Amino acid sequence: MASEPDDGGVAHINVYGDKNFKGCLKCCWSEGKGRIVHAKQSYKEGEVILVESPLHVVQEQEKSAAFSKVKQLCAKRADDFDYAPLWYWCAVQSLTKEQLKGSKLDGLTGTSPEIQRNLLLLHHEQVEEPSSAAKILKTELAPGADPMTIERLIQIWVLNCFEYSDEPQGYSTYFFSSFMSHSCFPNAVWHYSGPDHVLRARRAIVEGDEVCISYLPESGLFQSAPSRRMELNETKRFWCTCERCAEGFEDKGRGPMCPKCHNGAIFARTPLAGPAKDGSLLASHFEGVACDSCKHCVTKAETQALARTEKKLQDLVDKYTKDETSGPTVKQLETDEKFIADNFKQHVLADLAWEQLAQYYVAKHRMTDQRRVLELRRTFHMDAYPGLSGAHAWVLEALGDCILNIGKADAEDGKKAASQSPVAKEHYEEAIRVLTLMFGSDHEYVTDVVAKRPAE
C-alpha cells in the first residue's frame, strides 16, 4: 500500500468522489483491508451507482521507437523482465513529461502530475527497492525518472488494470472503482459502456454497507473456496476472507454424495484462514462434516475416500479439457455421466464436466442429451450461488438455444411434437432478467438474448 499521503489518500479520494459522483460513495480506512468504500445511500438491485471514465489509458504503439525498445528489452533480457511488454509500456507512459526529459526515443507522451498522483494511490505492494527491470527502463528510456517510481507504476498496472482494447491492445485504469474490495458474494458489479465503467447494485445495498465487487470472472464465483482463494492470491496477491471464504464456511461448490445414505451431500468446509500452499481440494476439508440429509458424520477414512473421488472427477475434467482428438464415444460419455451422478450431489467439478459433455453431445448431434446436462448445470448454479449470476444466465441462454434446436429438428423430421417455444422462452426471459439487472437493457449480453426470444 502506498505510504503517501499519511492517511492513505482517503481525503483526496473522497474529494474526487464528491466532485465526480456527487458523494454517492465514501472511502474509509480499514486496518484489515486498507481502503474500502461504503454506500452513502441505499440502492435497489440493478440500480446504477456510478459511471466512471478511465483515469489513464495506454495502448501499444507499434510504430513508436520507444515501444519497440521496450519489446526488445523484454525479449533480450527475459531474466530481468517478468511481464509482457505492455505492462512496462503502461508504467513508462505513466511518467510525467518532467520525468521523461532526456529521453531521445519518440512515442513517450507520459501523463500529467495529477493523473500520476492518482495512479500512485492505487493498490500495489510495498516497494523496498526497484527491480532490475525498473532500473533498466530508467537507463534506456527515462533517465530523468526515479526507478522507485517506475517500479511502483509497474506494480500498479499489474494489479489494477483492465482490458481496454484489442487492436491495438491496450489497458486502462480507473480511480474510484479501484478502491472497492473483492467479495465472493459481491453486492455490486461493473461493466463497460464504451470506455466507461458502470457500477450497478448486484443486490440491495443499504446506506452504510461496504460496496464490494468480484475480482474473479463470473464463472470463478462457482469455483471451490480453495481454488478461488488461490486464484486471488496469484492474480491480486491477497488471501480472501469474505463470507464465502471465511474459515469453516460451508462450501456449496464441493458436495460429494453422502457415503452412508447416498442421497444427501457432504459439503466441505472452507480451509483455514491465511496462506495456503496451493488450491488443492484436501480430505481435511471434510473432517467433522455431517450429511445435510441423514446427518451422518463422515469418518476419517471416508474423508480420504471422498478426496480420492474428487481427484477422479478432476482427472475426468482434465481429460475432456485437453482432449484434442475426435473425442470420447457416446458410451464413454454416458459412463462418465453416471460416475458423476453416483458420486456427487453438488460439485463445481461436475459442472465443469457437464460443460464439456454438453459440447461433445452437440458434436454427436445428441441434443436431448445436451439438454439433460444443461439442466443439471442450471440446477447446480441455482443451488451453489445465492445471488445474480451472469454464468447462470448464460447457461439459461444455452438451454433455450438447445430446446429450440430440438424443436426445429423434430419439425424437420416430421414429428408432431408440442412446440418447444414456450419452454425456451421461459429460460430466455430469466436470462434477460438477470443480465438486465447486472448489465442494463442496452448491453449486448441482453440484446443478444432478446433477439433469440421466441415471439410466442
Foldseek 3Di string as FASTA:
>chain_A
DDPPPVQLCQVVLQVVCCVAPVNQKHWDQDPVQGIFIFGQAKAAQLDWSDKFFFLDKDFQDVPWPLLVVLQVCCVVVVVQDPDHSQLLVQLQLQAAPQQQPPFPTPDNPHDDPVSSVLLLSFDFDDDPDAGPSLVVCCVHGGVSHDSSSSRSSSRSCQQAWDFQDVVRTMITGTGSVRSHAAALQFQWEWDDDNNMIIIAGQHIHGGGDTGHYHPDALLLSLAWLLQNQQVCCVRNNDGDCHPQQPFFHFQLQQWKADPPPLPFTQTFTHHDDDDDPGSQDALVSRQQTATPPPRDRDDSVVSVVSSVLVVVLVVLLVCLVPDPPLDDDPVVLVVNLVSCSRIGDAHSSLLSNLVSSLVNCVVVVNLVSNLVSLVVNLVNVPRRHPGQTLVNLVSLLVNLVSQQVVQVVCVVVVHPDDDSQVVSLVSLVVSLVSCCSRPNCPDPSNVVSVVVRDPD
